[in-house]
Amino acid sequence: MAKNVGDSIVKILLFGVGGWVAENALCQQDRYSPLFRGAKFPFLPIYAVNGLALTSAAPYLSKWPALARGLSYAILGTSIEWAGCQLDRKMMNQRGWDYGRNEPLSRLSDGCVSFPRSALWGGMGLIAEKMT
């Protein structure tokens, strides 16, 4: 859990920039957030918010078995990603991301979330535990 505002800001920056680096390493095209209206900042807000949420949840889940912790982080991260997608599409009238329709979770969520991305959030939560 973030101990103060400065700690929270550092985590937001680390996860936002780290997420941007990971996305750009894995994707075939450059990824930038539509939140910045076309400016190419090396920062993805969904990773920043999720990183802060996952590190905040870590102390509460630390005594659980690893599989239960990973599943809990996956559910939390996927829920945050789905909410971010709704804000992106409904309030900003954009499609900052779309995972297509080639797997059940993606079809159910109109491309907002996917099983592989949920697994990523679970793994990210287990890594985020080390930052608490």
N, C-alpha and C. Protein backbone atom coordinates (compact mmCIF):
# COMPACT_ATOMS: atom_id res chain seq x y z
N MET A 1 0.85 -1.17 0.00
CA MET A 1 0.00 0.00 0.00
C MET A 1 0.89 1.23 0.00
N ALA A 2 0.47 2.25 -0.70
CA ALA A 2 1.22 3.50 -0.74
C ALA A 2 1.19 4.14 0.64
N LYS A 3 2.38 4.55 1.11
CA LYS A 3 2.47 5.09 2.45
C LYS A 3 2.22 6.60 2.50
N ASN A 4 2.38 7.26 1.36
CA ASN A 4 2.14 8.70 1.30
C ASN A 4 1.91 9.09 -0.16
N VAL A 5 1.64 10.35 -0.38
CA VAL A 5 1.35 10.83 -1.73
C VAL A 5 2.56 10.64 -2.64
N GLY A 6 3.74 10.93 -2.15
CA GLY A 6 4.96 10.78 -2.95
C GLY A 6 5.16 9.34 -3.39
N ASP A 7 4.90 8.39 -2.48
CA ASP A 7 5.02 6.97 -2.80
C ASP A 7 4.01 6.59 -3.89
N SER A 8 2.80 7.12 -3.79
CA SER A 8 1.77 6.85 -4.80
C SER A 8 2.17 7.40 -6.16
N ILE A 9 2.71 8.60 -6.19
CA ILE A 9 3.13 9.22 -7.45
C ILE A 9 4.25 8.41 -8.10
N VAL A 10 5.20 7.95 -7.30
CA VAL A 10 6.29 7.13 -7.84
C VAL A 10 5.73 5.85 -8.44
N LYS A 11 4.81 5.19 -7.75
CA LYS A 11 4.22 3.96 -8.27
C LYS A 11 3.42 4.21 -9.54
N ILE A 12 2.67 5.29 -9.56
CA ILE A 12 1.90 5.64 -10.76
C ILE A 12 2.84 5.84 -11.94
N LEU A 13 3.92 6.57 -11.73
CA LEU A 13 4.88 6.81 -12.82
C LEU A 13 5.57 5.52 -13.25
N LEU A 14 6.00 4.70 -12.28
CA LEU A 14 6.68 3.45 -12.62
C LEU A 14 5.77 2.51 -13.41
N PHE A 15 4.54 2.34 -12.95
CA PHE A 15 3.64 1.44 -13.64
C PHE A 15 3.16 2.01 -14.98
N GLY A 16 2.90 3.30 -15.03
CA GLY A 16 2.45 3.92 -16.28
C GLY A 16 3.51 3.86 -17.37
N VAL A 17 4.74 4.17 -17.01
CA VAL A 17 5.84 4.12 -17.98
C VAL A 17 6.22 2.67 -18.27
N GLY A 18 6.28 1.84 -17.21
CA GLY A 18 6.59 0.42 -17.40
C GLY A 18 5.57 -0.28 -18.29
N GLY A 19 4.30 0.05 -18.12
CA GLY A 19 3.25 -0.50 -18.97
C GLY A 19 3.41 -0.07 -20.41
N TRP A 20 3.77 1.18 -20.60
CA TRP A 20 4.00 1.69 -21.96
C TRP A 20 5.16 0.93 -22.62
N VAL A 21 6.25 0.72 -21.87
CA VAL A 21 7.41 -0.01 -22.40
C VAL A 21 6.99 -1.44 -22.76
N ALA A 22 6.25 -2.10 -21.86
CA ALA A 22 5.82 -3.48 -22.12
C ALA A 22 4.89 -3.55 -23.33
N GLU A 23 3.92 -2.65 -23.40
CA GLU A 23 2.99 -2.65 -24.54
C GLU A 23 3.73 -2.44 -25.86
N ASN A 24 4.65 -1.51 -25.88
CA ASN A 24 5.36 -1.22 -27.11
C ASN A 24 6.36 -2.32 -27.47
N ALA A 25 6.81 -3.08 -26.48
CA ALA A 25 7.68 -4.22 -26.77
C ALA A 25 6.88 -5.39 -27.34
N LEU A 26 5.63 -5.54 -26.90
CA LEU A 26 4.81 -6.68 -27.30
C LEU A 26 3.94 -6.42 -28.53
N CYS A 27 3.54 -5.17 -28.73
CA CYS A 27 2.61 -4.85 -29.83
C CYS A 27 3.37 -4.57 -31.11
N GLN A 28 2.69 -4.72 -32.21
CA GLN A 28 3.32 -4.49 -33.50
C GLN A 28 3.25 -3.02 -33.93
N GLN A 29 2.53 -2.22 -33.19
CA GLN A 29 2.44 -0.79 -33.50
C GLN A 29 2.68 -0.01 -32.22
N ASP A 30 3.09 1.24 -32.38
CA ASP A 30 3.31 2.08 -31.20
C ASP A 30 2.00 2.31 -30.48
N ARG A 31 2.02 2.23 -29.16
CA ARG A 31 0.82 2.42 -28.36
C ARG A 31 0.98 3.68 -27.50
N TYR A 32 0.02 4.57 -27.63
CA TYR A 32 -0.03 5.78 -26.81
C TYR A 32 -1.46 5.95 -26.33
N SER A 33 -1.64 6.59 -25.21
CA SER A 33 -2.98 6.76 -24.65
C SER A 33 -3.74 7.86 -25.39
N PRO A 34 -4.99 7.59 -25.75
CA PRO A 34 -5.82 8.64 -26.36
C PRO A 34 -6.17 9.74 -25.35
N LEU A 35 -5.94 9.47 -24.08
CA LEU A 35 -6.21 10.45 -23.05
C LEU A 35 -5.42 11.75 -23.27
N PHE A 36 -4.27 11.62 -23.90
CA PHE A 36 -3.40 12.78 -24.12
C PHE A 36 -3.66 13.47 -25.45
N ARG A 37 -4.77 13.14 -26.11
CA ARG A 37 -5.23 13.81 -27.32
C ARG A 37 -4.18 13.90 -28.42
N GLY A 38 -3.53 12.78 -28.69
CA GLY A 38 -2.57 12.73 -29.78
C GLY A 38 -1.13 13.00 -29.40
N ALA A 39 -0.90 13.56 -28.21
CA ALA A 39 0.48 13.77 -27.77
C ALA A 39 1.08 12.40 -27.44
N LYS A 40 2.33 12.21 -27.78
CA LYS A 40 2.96 10.89 -27.62
C LYS A 40 3.77 10.82 -26.33
N PHE A 41 3.05 10.72 -25.22
CA PHE A 41 3.69 10.55 -23.91
C PHE A 41 3.95 9.07 -23.67
N PRO A 42 5.13 8.71 -23.21
CA PRO A 42 5.43 7.30 -22.93
C PRO A 42 4.82 6.89 -21.58
N PHE A 43 3.50 6.82 -21.55
CA PHE A 43 2.77 6.56 -20.30
C PHE A 43 1.39 6.02 -20.66
N LEU A 44 0.99 4.90 -20.05
CA LEU A 44 -0.35 4.36 -20.26
C LEU A 44 -1.09 4.36 -18.92
N PRO A 45 -2.13 5.20 -18.81
CA PRO A 45 -2.84 5.36 -17.54
C PRO A 45 -3.45 4.07 -16.97
N ILE A 46 -3.89 3.15 -17.83
CA ILE A 46 -4.50 1.93 -17.31
C ILE A 46 -3.50 1.12 -16.49
N TYR A 47 -2.24 1.13 -16.90
CA TYR A 47 -1.21 0.44 -16.12
C TYR A 47 -0.93 1.19 -14.81
N ALA A 48 -0.96 2.49 -14.86
CA ALA A 48 -0.71 3.29 -13.66
C ALA A 48 -1.79 3.04 -12.61
N VAL A 49 -3.04 3.09 -13.03
CA VAL A 49 -4.16 2.87 -12.09
C VAL A 49 -4.13 1.44 -11.57
N ASN A 50 -3.95 0.49 -12.47
CA ASN A 50 -3.91 -0.90 -12.03
C ASN A 50 -2.72 -1.17 -11.12
N GLY A 51 -1.58 -0.63 -11.42
CA GLY A 51 -0.41 -0.83 -10.57
C GLY A 51 -0.65 -0.32 -9.16
N LEU A 52 -1.24 0.87 -9.06
CA LEU A 52 -1.53 1.42 -7.74
C LEU A 52 -2.57 0.57 -7.01
N ALA A 53 -3.60 0.14 -7.72
CA ALA A 53 -4.64 -0.70 -7.10
C ALA A 53 -4.08 -2.05 -6.66
N LEU A 54 -3.27 -2.67 -7.50
CA LEU A 54 -2.72 -3.98 -7.16
C LEU A 54 -1.75 -3.90 -5.99
N THR A 55 -0.91 -2.87 -5.95
CA THR A 55 0.00 -2.73 -4.81
C THR A 55 -0.77 -2.39 -3.54
N SER A 56 -1.89 -1.70 -3.68
CA SER A 56 -2.72 -1.39 -2.51
C SER A 56 -3.44 -2.63 -1.98
N ALA A 57 -3.79 -3.55 -2.87
CA ALA A 57 -4.48 -4.78 -2.46
C ALA A 57 -3.51 -5.81 -1.89
N ALA A 58 -2.26 -5.74 -2.26
CA ALA A 58 -1.27 -6.76 -1.90
C ALA A 58 -1.21 -7.06 -0.40
N PRO A 59 -1.18 -6.07 0.47
CA PRO A 59 -1.09 -6.40 1.90
C PRO A 59 -2.28 -7.21 2.41
N TYR A 60 -3.43 -7.04 1.80
CA TYR A 60 -4.62 -7.77 2.23
C TYR A 60 -4.63 -9.20 1.72
N LEU A 61 -3.92 -9.45 0.63
CA LEU A 61 -3.92 -10.77 0.02
C LEU A 61 -2.66 -11.57 0.33
N SER A 62 -1.71 -10.98 1.01
CA SER A 62 -0.38 -11.58 1.15
C SER A 62 -0.38 -12.95 1.83
N LYS A 63 -1.33 -13.24 2.66
CA LYS A 63 -1.37 -14.52 3.37
C LYS A 63 -2.09 -15.62 2.58
N TRP A 64 -2.71 -15.25 1.48
CA TRP A 64 -3.45 -16.21 0.67
C TRP A 64 -2.48 -17.08 -0.12
N PRO A 65 -2.93 -18.27 -0.55
CA PRO A 65 -2.09 -19.07 -1.45
C PRO A 65 -1.85 -18.34 -2.78
N ALA A 66 -0.74 -18.66 -3.43
CA ALA A 66 -0.35 -17.94 -4.65
C ALA A 66 -1.43 -17.97 -5.73
N LEU A 67 -2.07 -19.10 -5.94
CA LEU A 67 -3.11 -19.19 -6.98
C LEU A 67 -4.28 -18.27 -6.66
N ALA A 68 -4.71 -18.24 -5.40
CA ALA A 68 -5.81 -17.36 -5.00
C ALA A 68 -5.43 -15.89 -5.15
N ARG A 69 -4.18 -15.56 -4.81
CA ARG A 69 -3.72 -14.18 -4.98
C ARG A 69 -3.71 -13.81 -6.45
N GLY A 70 -3.15 -14.67 -7.29
CA GLY A 70 -3.09 -14.40 -8.73
C GLY A 70 -4.48 -14.22 -9.32
N LEU A 71 -5.42 -15.09 -8.94
CA LEU A 71 -6.79 -14.95 -9.44
C LEU A 71 -7.44 -13.67 -8.95
N SER A 72 -7.19 -13.31 -7.71
CA SER A 72 -7.75 -12.07 -7.16
C SER A 72 -7.20 -10.85 -7.90
N TYR A 73 -5.89 -10.85 -8.15
CA TYR A 73 -5.30 -9.74 -8.90
C TYR A 73 -5.85 -9.69 -10.32
N ALA A 74 -6.04 -10.85 -10.92
CA ALA A 74 -6.59 -10.90 -12.28
C ALA A 74 -7.99 -10.31 -12.31
N ILE A 75 -8.81 -10.66 -11.34
CA ILE A 75 -10.17 -10.12 -11.28
C ILE A 75 -10.15 -8.62 -11.03
N LEU A 76 -9.32 -8.17 -10.10
CA LEU A 76 -9.23 -6.73 -9.81
C LEU A 76 -8.73 -5.96 -11.03
N GLY A 77 -7.64 -6.42 -11.62
CA GLY A 77 -7.08 -5.73 -12.78
C GLY A 77 -8.02 -5.71 -13.97
N THR A 78 -8.69 -6.83 -14.21
CA THR A 78 -9.64 -6.91 -15.32
C THR A 78 -10.83 -5.99 -15.08
N SER A 79 -11.28 -5.91 -13.85
CA SER A 79 -12.40 -5.01 -13.52
C SER A 79 -12.02 -3.55 -13.75
N ILE A 80 -10.82 -3.20 -13.36
CA ILE A 80 -10.35 -1.82 -13.57
C ILE A 80 -10.20 -1.55 -15.07
N GLU A 81 -9.67 -2.52 -15.80
CA GLU A 81 -9.51 -2.32 -17.25
C GLU A 81 -10.88 -2.16 -17.92
N TRP A 82 -11.86 -2.97 -17.51
CA TRP A 82 -13.20 -2.87 -18.08
C TRP A 82 -13.79 -1.47 -17.78
N ALA A 83 -13.64 -1.00 -16.53
CA ALA A 83 -14.16 0.32 -16.18
C ALA A 83 -13.45 1.42 -16.99
N GLY A 84 -12.14 1.29 -17.16
CA GLY A 84 -11.40 2.26 -17.97
C GLY A 84 -11.87 2.25 -19.41
N CYS A 85 -12.17 1.08 -19.92
CA CYS A 85 -12.68 0.97 -21.29
C CYS A 85 -14.04 1.66 -21.42
N GLN A 86 -14.88 1.51 -20.41
CA GLN A 86 -16.19 2.16 -20.45
C GLN A 86 -16.04 3.68 -20.45
N LEU A 87 -15.13 4.19 -19.62
CA LEU A 87 -14.86 5.64 -19.61
C LEU A 87 -14.33 6.10 -20.96
N ASP A 88 -13.41 5.32 -21.51
CA ASP A 88 -12.81 5.63 -22.80
C ASP A 88 -13.87 5.72 -23.90
N ARG A 89 -14.77 4.77 -23.91
CA ARG A 89 -15.75 4.70 -24.99
C ARG A 89 -16.96 5.60 -24.78
N LYS A 90 -17.42 5.70 -23.56
CA LYS A 90 -18.67 6.44 -23.32
C LYS A 90 -18.45 7.92 -22.99
N MET A 91 -17.39 8.23 -22.27
CA MET A 91 -17.18 9.63 -21.88
C MET A 91 -16.25 10.36 -22.85
N MET A 92 -15.29 9.62 -23.41
CA MET A 92 -14.32 10.26 -24.31
C MET A 92 -14.62 9.97 -25.78
N ASN A 93 -15.61 9.11 -26.03
CA ASN A 93 -15.98 8.72 -27.40
C ASN A 93 -14.79 8.23 -28.21
N GLN A 94 -13.96 7.38 -27.58
CA GLN A 94 -12.78 6.84 -28.25
C GLN A 94 -12.74 5.33 -28.06
N ARG A 95 -11.86 4.71 -28.78
CA ARG A 95 -11.59 3.28 -28.61
C ARG A 95 -10.08 3.14 -28.44
N GLY A 96 -9.62 3.44 -27.23
CA GLY A 96 -8.19 3.39 -26.96
C GLY A 96 -7.62 1.99 -27.09
N TRP A 97 -8.46 0.98 -26.91
CA TRP A 97 -8.03 -0.39 -27.12
C TRP A 97 -9.24 -1.25 -27.45
N ASP A 98 -8.97 -2.32 -28.15
CA ASP A 98 -10.01 -3.27 -28.53
C ASP A 98 -9.31 -4.61 -28.78
N TYR A 99 -9.66 -5.61 -28.00
CA TYR A 99 -9.01 -6.92 -28.10
C TYR A 99 -9.68 -7.84 -29.10
N GLY A 100 -10.59 -7.31 -29.89
CA GLY A 100 -11.24 -8.12 -30.91
C GLY A 100 -12.36 -8.97 -30.33
N ARG A 101 -12.74 -9.98 -31.08
CA ARG A 101 -13.86 -10.84 -30.66
C ARG A 101 -13.50 -12.31 -30.81
N ASN A 102 -12.23 -12.66 -30.69
CA ASN A 102 -11.85 -14.03 -30.96
C ASN A 102 -11.70 -14.90 -29.71
N GLU A 103 -12.22 -14.47 -28.59
CA GLU A 103 -12.29 -15.33 -27.42
C GLU A 103 -13.47 -14.89 -26.56
N PRO A 104 -14.02 -15.78 -25.72
CA PRO A 104 -15.29 -15.51 -25.04
C PRO A 104 -15.34 -14.23 -24.20
N LEU A 105 -14.31 -13.97 -23.40
CA LEU A 105 -14.35 -12.78 -22.55
C LEU A 105 -14.34 -11.51 -23.39
N SER A 106 -13.59 -11.52 -24.45
CA SER A 106 -13.54 -10.37 -25.34
C SER A 106 -14.89 -10.14 -26.03
N ARG A 107 -15.52 -11.22 -26.45
CA ARG A 107 -16.86 -11.08 -27.08
C ARG A 107 -17.87 -10.53 -26.09
N LEU A 108 -17.85 -11.03 -24.86
CA LEU A 108 -18.81 -10.56 -23.83
C LEU A 108 -18.60 -9.10 -23.45
N SER A 109 -17.37 -8.62 -23.56
CA SER A 109 -17.05 -7.26 -23.10
C SER A 109 -16.90 -6.26 -24.25
N ASP A 110 -17.33 -6.62 -25.46
CA ASP A 110 -17.18 -5.75 -26.62
C ASP A 110 -15.72 -5.36 -26.84
N GLY A 111 -14.83 -6.30 -26.60
CA GLY A 111 -13.41 -6.08 -26.85
C GLY A 111 -12.67 -5.33 -25.75
N CYS A 112 -13.34 -5.08 -24.62
CA CYS A 112 -12.69 -4.30 -23.55
C CYS A 112 -11.68 -5.10 -22.74
N VAL A 113 -11.92 -6.38 -22.53
CA VAL A 113 -11.02 -7.23 -21.74
C VAL A 113 -10.87 -8.57 -22.44
N SER A 114 -9.83 -9.30 -22.06
CA SER A 114 -9.58 -10.60 -22.66
C SER A 114 -8.92 -11.51 -21.63
N PHE A 115 -9.01 -12.82 -21.87
CA PHE A 115 -8.38 -13.77 -20.95
C PHE A 115 -6.87 -13.60 -20.88
N PRO A 116 -6.17 -13.43 -22.01
CA PRO A 116 -4.71 -13.22 -21.90
C PRO A 116 -4.36 -11.96 -21.10
N ARG A 117 -5.14 -10.90 -21.28
CA ARG A 117 -4.88 -9.67 -20.53
C ARG A 117 -5.20 -9.86 -19.05
N SER A 118 -6.22 -10.66 -18.75
CA SER A 118 -6.53 -10.96 -17.35
C SER A 118 -5.38 -11.70 -16.69
N ALA A 119 -4.79 -12.63 -17.43
CA ALA A 119 -3.62 -13.35 -16.91
C ALA A 119 -2.47 -12.38 -16.66
N LEU A 120 -2.31 -11.41 -17.56
CA LEU A 120 -1.28 -10.40 -17.38
C LEU A 120 -1.50 -9.63 -16.07
N TRP A 121 -2.75 -9.24 -15.79
CA TRP A 121 -3.03 -8.50 -14.55
C TRP A 121 -2.74 -9.38 -13.33
N GLY A 122 -3.06 -10.67 -13.42
CA GLY A 122 -2.74 -11.57 -12.31
C GLY A 122 -1.24 -11.62 -12.05
N GLY A 123 -0.47 -11.75 -13.12
CA GLY A 123 0.98 -11.77 -12.98
C GLY A 123 1.53 -10.45 -12.50
N MET A 124 0.95 -9.37 -13.00
CA MET A 124 1.40 -8.04 -12.58
C MET A 124 1.14 -7.84 -11.09
N GLY A 125 0.03 -8.38 -10.59
CA GLY A 125 -0.26 -8.29 -9.15
C GLY A 125 0.77 -9.03 -8.32
N LEU A 126 1.17 -10.21 -8.78
CA LEU A 126 2.19 -10.97 -8.05
C LEU A 126 3.53 -10.24 -8.05
N ILE A 127 3.83 -9.55 -9.15
CA ILE A 127 5.05 -8.73 -9.20
C ILE A 127 4.88 -7.49 -8.32
N ALA A 128 3.69 -6.89 -8.34
CA ALA A 128 3.45 -5.68 -7.55
C ALA A 128 3.59 -5.93 -6.05
N GLU A 129 3.38 -7.18 -5.63
CA GLU A 129 3.56 -7.51 -4.20
C GLU A 129 4.96 -7.17 -3.73
N LYS A 130 5.90 -7.28 -4.62
CA LYS A 130 7.32 -7.02 -4.26
C LYS A 130 7.57 -5.53 -4.06
N MET A 131 6.63 -4.68 -4.51
CA MET A 131 6.80 -3.23 -4.38
C MET A 131 6.10 -2.67 -3.15
N THR A 132 5.51 -3.54 -2.34
CA THR A 132 4.78 -3.04 -1.16
C THR A 132 5.66 -2.98 0.05
